[in-house]
Amino acid sequence: MEAKDLKEKLFNEKKNAWEKVTDEEKTKIFDFAEDYKTFISENKTERECVKGIKTLLEEKGFKNVDEIETLKPGDKVYFINREKSIYASIIGEESPEKGFNIIGAHIDSPRLDLKPNPIYESEEIAMFKTHYYGGIKKYQWVNIPLSMHGVIIKENNEKVEIKIGEEENDPIFTIADLLPHLSSKQDKKPIKDAIEAENLNIIIGSVPYKGDIEEKVKLNILNILNEKYGIKEEDFISAEIEFTPTMKAKDLGFDRALIAGYGQDDRECAY
């Protein structure tokens, strides 16, 4: 057999996936991507993903397993664990002793979490102290718009859900970087050290509260939060607040064949 023919027979030919799909399949792919972009744009934390997935499951006929007394083959059920993970199952016909077909995917993504006592004032600027989660590349998180997501449990056990920065008229937040003409020392550092983790502090305000007191800007921010959400500084101790990039998922490239968006690993698998 000729070498060319043998190679064609035995090699795993790598071919662009777009060359293997029909026009009808391509249309279905792009339609699927539209809903996917909406999903990852609107659900940027585990809690939000669980809510979004719950809605999708119920649209497909799944029911909360806690509300069902007995299960039979074909039943479609889901279970939510502490509002941060969700399990969906279609009950099979064979005995569980014969095994299960399982697909798993995580819905957490790299982000910035608030520390337990996050609010402080420095140089008449109010800021949040953060620690990063998920192995971020720190230089990617400065000078970009950030949005605030999470829950705060008040002293009366009332749960306050917060989502600021995603709507058109919402304020956004950011982490300031040095100006180019002030960063000569920073520029000499390796990229992984140029932005230090302890400096990933988020600007949240700069207007002082009227009065002859210290930390006027911090007080003004706490007053705004108290008036809107009824919370106090100590409520942040037990809060779960995360900051994520504000940008929504968008098509990438003239041919729109790729998607640019936050949190795709591993949420595309979960979706």
Protein backbone atom coordinates (compact mmCIF):
# COMPACT_ATOMS: atom_id res chain seq x y z
CA MET A 1 0.00 0.00 0.00
CA GLU A 2 1.24 3.48 -0.86
CA ALA A 3 2.43 5.51 2.12
CA LYS A 4 -0.08 8.27 1.38
CA ASP A 5 -2.98 5.80 1.35
CA LEU A 6 -1.73 4.06 4.50
CA LYS A 7 -1.41 7.39 6.33
CA GLU A 8 -4.95 8.33 5.30
CA LYS A 9 -6.20 4.99 6.61
CA LEU A 10 -4.34 4.93 9.94
CA PHE A 11 -3.80 8.54 11.04
CA ASN A 12 -6.34 10.45 13.07
CA GLU A 13 -7.09 13.28 10.68
CA LYS A 14 -7.59 16.51 12.57
CA LYS A 15 -10.15 18.60 10.77
CA ASN A 16 -11.74 21.91 11.72
CA ALA A 17 -15.06 21.11 13.39
CA TRP A 18 -16.86 23.78 11.35
CA GLU A 19 -16.03 21.80 8.20
CA LYS A 20 -17.89 18.77 9.58
CA VAL A 21 -21.25 20.41 10.32
CA THR A 22 -24.16 21.06 8.00
CA ASP A 23 -25.75 24.49 7.59
CA GLU A 24 -28.69 23.29 9.70
CA GLU A 25 -26.36 22.14 12.49
CA LYS A 26 -24.48 25.42 12.34
CA THR A 27 -27.74 27.34 12.85
CA LYS A 28 -28.55 25.18 15.89
CA ILE A 29 -25.08 25.81 17.32
CA PHE A 30 -25.45 29.59 17.07
CA ASP A 31 -28.97 29.47 18.52
CA PHE A 32 -27.68 27.41 21.46
CA ALA A 33 -24.86 29.91 21.99
CA GLU A 34 -27.29 32.83 22.32
CA ASP A 35 -28.99 31.27 25.35
CA TYR A 36 -25.61 30.21 26.75
CA LYS A 37 -24.29 33.78 26.57
CA THR A 38 -27.33 34.98 28.47
CA PHE A 39 -26.78 32.29 31.12
CA ILE A 40 -23.14 33.12 31.87
CA SER A 41 -23.80 36.87 31.71
CA GLU A 42 -26.60 36.70 34.28
CA ASN A 43 -25.10 34.05 36.57
CA LYS A 44 -21.60 34.91 37.77
CA THR A 45 -21.49 33.19 41.17
CA GLU A 46 -22.34 29.71 42.40
CA ARG A 47 -25.55 30.93 44.04
CA GLU A 48 -26.69 32.69 40.88
CA CYS A 49 -25.82 29.66 38.75
CA VAL A 50 -27.87 27.38 41.00
CA LYS A 51 -30.87 29.69 40.61
CA GLY A 52 -30.42 29.86 36.86
CA ILE A 53 -30.00 26.10 36.51
CA LYS A 54 -33.07 25.50 38.71
CA THR A 55 -35.13 27.62 36.32
CA LEU A 56 -33.80 25.74 33.28
CA LEU A 57 -34.50 22.36 34.91
CA GLU A 58 -38.06 23.28 35.84
CA GLU A 59 -38.68 24.41 32.26
CA LYS A 60 -37.70 20.85 31.24
CA GLY A 61 -40.07 19.21 33.72
CA PHE A 62 -37.72 18.59 36.65
CA LYS A 63 -39.17 18.81 40.18
CA ASN A 64 -37.65 19.38 43.61
CA VAL A 65 -36.98 15.92 45.06
CA ASP A 66 -37.90 17.19 48.54
CA GLU A 67 -41.47 17.66 47.34
CA ILE A 68 -41.84 14.10 46.02
CA GLU A 69 -42.74 11.15 48.27
CA THR A 70 -41.86 8.27 45.94
CA LEU A 71 -39.76 7.98 42.80
CA LYS A 72 -40.40 5.86 39.72
CA PRO A 73 -38.46 5.29 36.48
CA GLY A 74 -38.54 8.33 34.23
CA ASP A 75 -39.03 10.87 37.04
CA LYS A 76 -36.94 14.00 36.63
CA VAL A 77 -35.83 15.56 39.92
CA TYR A 78 -33.28 17.98 41.33
CA PHE A 79 -31.75 18.68 44.73
CA ILE A 80 -30.14 21.94 45.89
CA ASN A 81 -27.35 21.79 48.47
CA ARG A 82 -26.97 24.98 50.55
CA GLU A 83 -27.83 27.15 47.54
CA LYS A 84 -24.33 26.60 46.08
CA SER A 85 -24.58 23.29 44.22
CA ILE A 86 -27.36 21.49 42.42
CA TYR A 87 -27.92 17.88 41.42
CA ALA A 88 -30.31 16.77 38.70
CA SER A 89 -31.34 13.19 38.01
CA ILE A 90 -33.52 11.18 35.67
CA ILE A 91 -34.54 8.01 37.52
CA GLY A 92 -33.52 4.90 35.57
CA GLU A 93 -35.26 1.59 35.17
CA GLU A 94 -32.49 -0.70 36.41
CA SER A 95 -31.34 -1.25 39.98
CA PRO A 96 -28.84 1.29 41.41
CA GLU A 97 -26.60 -1.70 42.14
CA LYS A 98 -25.81 -1.79 38.43
CA GLY A 99 -24.34 1.69 38.59
CA PHE A 100 -25.07 5.22 37.48
CA ASN A 101 -24.35 7.43 34.51
CA ILE A 102 -22.92 10.62 36.03
CA ILE A 103 -21.87 13.94 34.52
CA GLY A 104 -20.23 16.48 36.83
CA ALA A 105 -19.11 20.09 36.35
CA HIS A 106 -18.13 22.88 38.72
CA ILE A 107 -19.83 26.29 38.69
CA ASP A 108 -17.32 28.32 40.71
CA SER A 109 -14.87 30.65 38.96
CA PRO A 110 -11.85 32.77 39.90
CA ARG A 111 -12.98 35.93 41.68
CA LEU A 112 -12.31 38.37 44.52
CA ASP A 113 -13.96 37.71 47.90
CA LEU A 114 -14.34 40.27 50.65
CA LYS A 115 -12.47 39.78 53.89
CA PRO A 116 -14.60 39.56 57.08
CA ASN A 117 -13.91 43.21 58.03
CA PRO A 118 -13.46 44.69 54.58
CA ILE A 119 -14.27 48.42 54.75
CA TYR A 120 -11.50 50.92 55.42
CA GLU A 121 -10.55 54.47 54.47
CA SER A 122 -7.19 55.61 53.16
CA GLU A 123 -6.26 59.00 51.67
CA GLU A 124 -9.95 59.97 51.79
CA ILE A 125 -10.93 56.98 49.65
CA ALA A 126 -13.17 54.19 50.96
CA MET A 127 -12.13 50.69 49.93
CA PHE A 128 -12.92 47.02 50.35
CA LYS A 129 -10.13 44.62 51.34
CA THR A 130 -10.21 41.40 49.33
CA HIS A 131 -8.60 38.01 48.99
CA TYR A 132 -8.63 36.17 45.69
CA TYR A 133 -10.18 32.80 44.99
CA GLY A 134 -9.35 30.36 42.24
CA GLY A 135 -5.81 31.19 41.17
CA ILE A 136 -6.36 34.49 39.41
CA LYS A 137 -3.79 36.31 37.29
CA LYS A 138 -3.66 39.44 39.42
CA TYR A 139 -2.61 41.85 36.66
CA GLN A 140 -5.86 41.07 34.83
CA TRP A 141 -7.99 42.42 37.69
CA VAL A 142 -6.82 46.04 37.87
CA ASN A 143 -8.43 48.96 36.02
CA ILE A 144 -11.41 46.91 34.85
CA PRO A 145 -15.07 47.39 35.86
CA LEU A 146 -16.13 45.04 38.65
CA SER A 147 -19.58 44.13 39.92
CA MET A 148 -20.62 43.13 43.43
CA HIS A 149 -22.56 39.91 44.08
CA GLY A 150 -23.55 38.05 47.20
CA VAL A 151 -25.60 37.74 50.34
CA ILE A 152 -25.52 39.39 53.76
CA ILE A 153 -27.28 37.91 56.79
CA LYS A 154 -28.43 40.66 59.15
CA GLU A 155 -28.60 40.27 62.94
CA ASN A 156 -32.33 39.48 62.70
CA ASN A 157 -31.50 36.58 60.29
CA GLU A 158 -32.91 38.45 57.31
CA LYS A 159 -30.99 37.58 54.13
CA VAL A 160 -30.09 40.49 51.88
CA GLU A 161 -29.13 39.64 48.30
CA ILE A 162 -26.84 42.11 46.55
CA LYS A 163 -26.10 42.48 42.83
CA ILE A 164 -24.61 45.83 41.83
CA GLY A 165 -22.85 46.72 38.60
CA GLU A 166 -24.64 44.52 36.08
CA GLU A 167 -27.46 46.88 35.09
CA GLU A 168 -26.92 49.80 32.72
CA ASN A 169 -27.46 52.49 35.37
CA ASP A 170 -25.64 50.70 38.21
CA PRO A 171 -22.34 52.03 39.55
CA ILE A 172 -19.32 49.80 39.03
CA PHE A 173 -16.18 49.28 41.11
CA THR A 174 -12.50 48.96 40.29
CA ILE A 175 -8.98 48.35 41.59
CA ALA A 176 -6.65 51.23 40.76
CA ASP A 177 -3.27 50.56 39.17
CA LEU A 178 -0.27 52.90 39.04
CA LEU A 179 -0.06 55.42 36.23
CA PRO A 180 2.57 54.53 33.59
CA HIS A 181 4.87 57.44 34.56
CA LEU A 182 4.75 56.39 38.25
CA SER A 183 5.37 52.67 37.82
CA SER A 184 9.07 52.42 37.00
CA LYS A 185 9.73 50.07 39.94
CA GLN A 186 6.63 48.03 39.18
CA ASP A 187 7.65 47.63 35.54
CA LYS A 188 10.89 45.89 36.58
CA LYS A 189 9.09 43.12 38.46
CA PRO A 190 8.05 39.76 36.96
CA ILE A 191 4.45 39.89 35.78
CA LYS A 192 3.27 37.61 38.59
CA ASP A 193 4.72 40.01 41.20
CA ALA A 194 3.91 43.36 39.60
CA ILE A 195 0.47 43.46 41.24
CA GLU A 196 0.61 42.33 44.86
CA ALA A 197 -2.31 40.41 46.34
CA GLU A 198 -2.60 42.69 49.36
CA ASN A 199 -3.09 45.66 47.03
CA LEU A 200 -6.15 44.22 45.28
CA ASN A 201 -8.38 46.63 47.17
CA ILE A 202 -11.57 47.87 45.56
CA ILE A 203 -12.53 51.55 45.41
CA ILE A 204 -16.09 52.00 46.68
CA GLY A 205 -16.43 55.75 47.37
CA SER A 206 -14.82 59.15 47.91
CA VAL A 207 -17.52 61.55 49.20
CA PRO A 208 -17.24 62.40 52.95
CA TYR A 209 -20.14 62.50 55.38
CA LYS A 210 -20.67 65.98 56.81
CA GLY A 211 -19.34 66.45 60.33
CA ASP A 212 -16.19 66.84 62.38
CA ILE A 213 -15.24 63.16 62.67
CA GLU A 214 -12.61 60.76 61.38
CA GLU A 215 -13.21 58.34 58.47
CA LYS A 216 -15.92 60.51 56.94
CA VAL A 217 -15.88 58.70 53.60
CA LYS A 218 -16.19 55.27 55.24
CA LEU A 219 -19.11 56.57 57.29
CA ASN A 220 -20.82 57.91 54.17
CA ILE A 221 -20.53 54.54 52.40
CA LEU A 222 -21.85 52.67 55.44
CA ASN A 223 -24.72 55.14 55.66
CA ILE A 224 -25.60 54.54 51.99
CA LEU A 225 -25.55 50.77 52.54
CA ASN A 226 -27.61 51.10 55.71
CA GLU A 227 -30.25 53.23 54.02
CA LYS A 228 -30.54 50.90 51.02
CA TYR A 229 -30.10 47.48 52.63
CA GLY A 230 -30.45 48.05 56.39
CA ILE A 231 -26.98 46.65 57.10
CA LYS A 232 -24.15 47.68 59.44
CA GLU A 233 -20.41 47.15 59.32
CA GLU A 234 -20.52 44.07 61.55
CA ASP A 235 -22.90 42.36 59.10
CA PHE A 236 -19.98 41.90 56.70
CA ILE A 237 -18.37 39.45 59.14
CA SER A 238 -20.81 36.71 58.13
CA ALA A 239 -21.46 37.96 54.60
CA GLU A 240 -20.53 36.19 51.39
CA ILE A 241 -19.65 38.92 48.90
CA GLU A 242 -17.83 38.35 45.62
CA PHE A 243 -16.55 40.69 42.92
CA THR A 244 -16.49 39.63 39.28
CA PRO A 245 -15.80 41.37 35.95
CA THR A 246 -18.81 43.40 34.86
CA MET A 247 -18.60 42.67 31.14
CA LYS A 248 -21.32 40.54 29.57
CA ALA A 249 -20.52 37.63 27.28
CA LYS A 250 -20.10 38.74 23.65
CA ASP A 251 -19.38 37.18 20.28
CA LEU A 252 -15.69 37.25 19.37
CA GLY A 253 -14.39 37.81 15.85
CA PHE A 254 -15.92 38.95 12.59
CA ASP A 255 -17.39 35.49 12.08
CA ARG A 256 -18.80 35.40 15.66
CA ALA A 257 -17.45 31.86 15.98
CA LEU A 258 -16.06 32.31 19.50
CA ILE A 259 -17.49 33.64 22.76
CA ALA A 260 -15.66 35.97 25.12
CA GLY A 261 -17.01 35.99 28.66
CA TYR A 262 -16.24 35.57 32.33
CA GLY A 263 -16.48 32.18 34.04
CA GLN A 264 -16.72 29.80 31.09
CA ASP A 265 -14.54 27.18 32.77
CA ASP A 266 -16.43 25.07 33.81
CA ARG A 267 -19.82 26.68 33.51
CA GLU A 268 -20.15 25.85 29.84
CA CYS A 269 -20.06 22.17 30.87
CA ALA A 270 -22.64 22.75 33.62
CA TYR A 271 -24.89 24.59 31.16
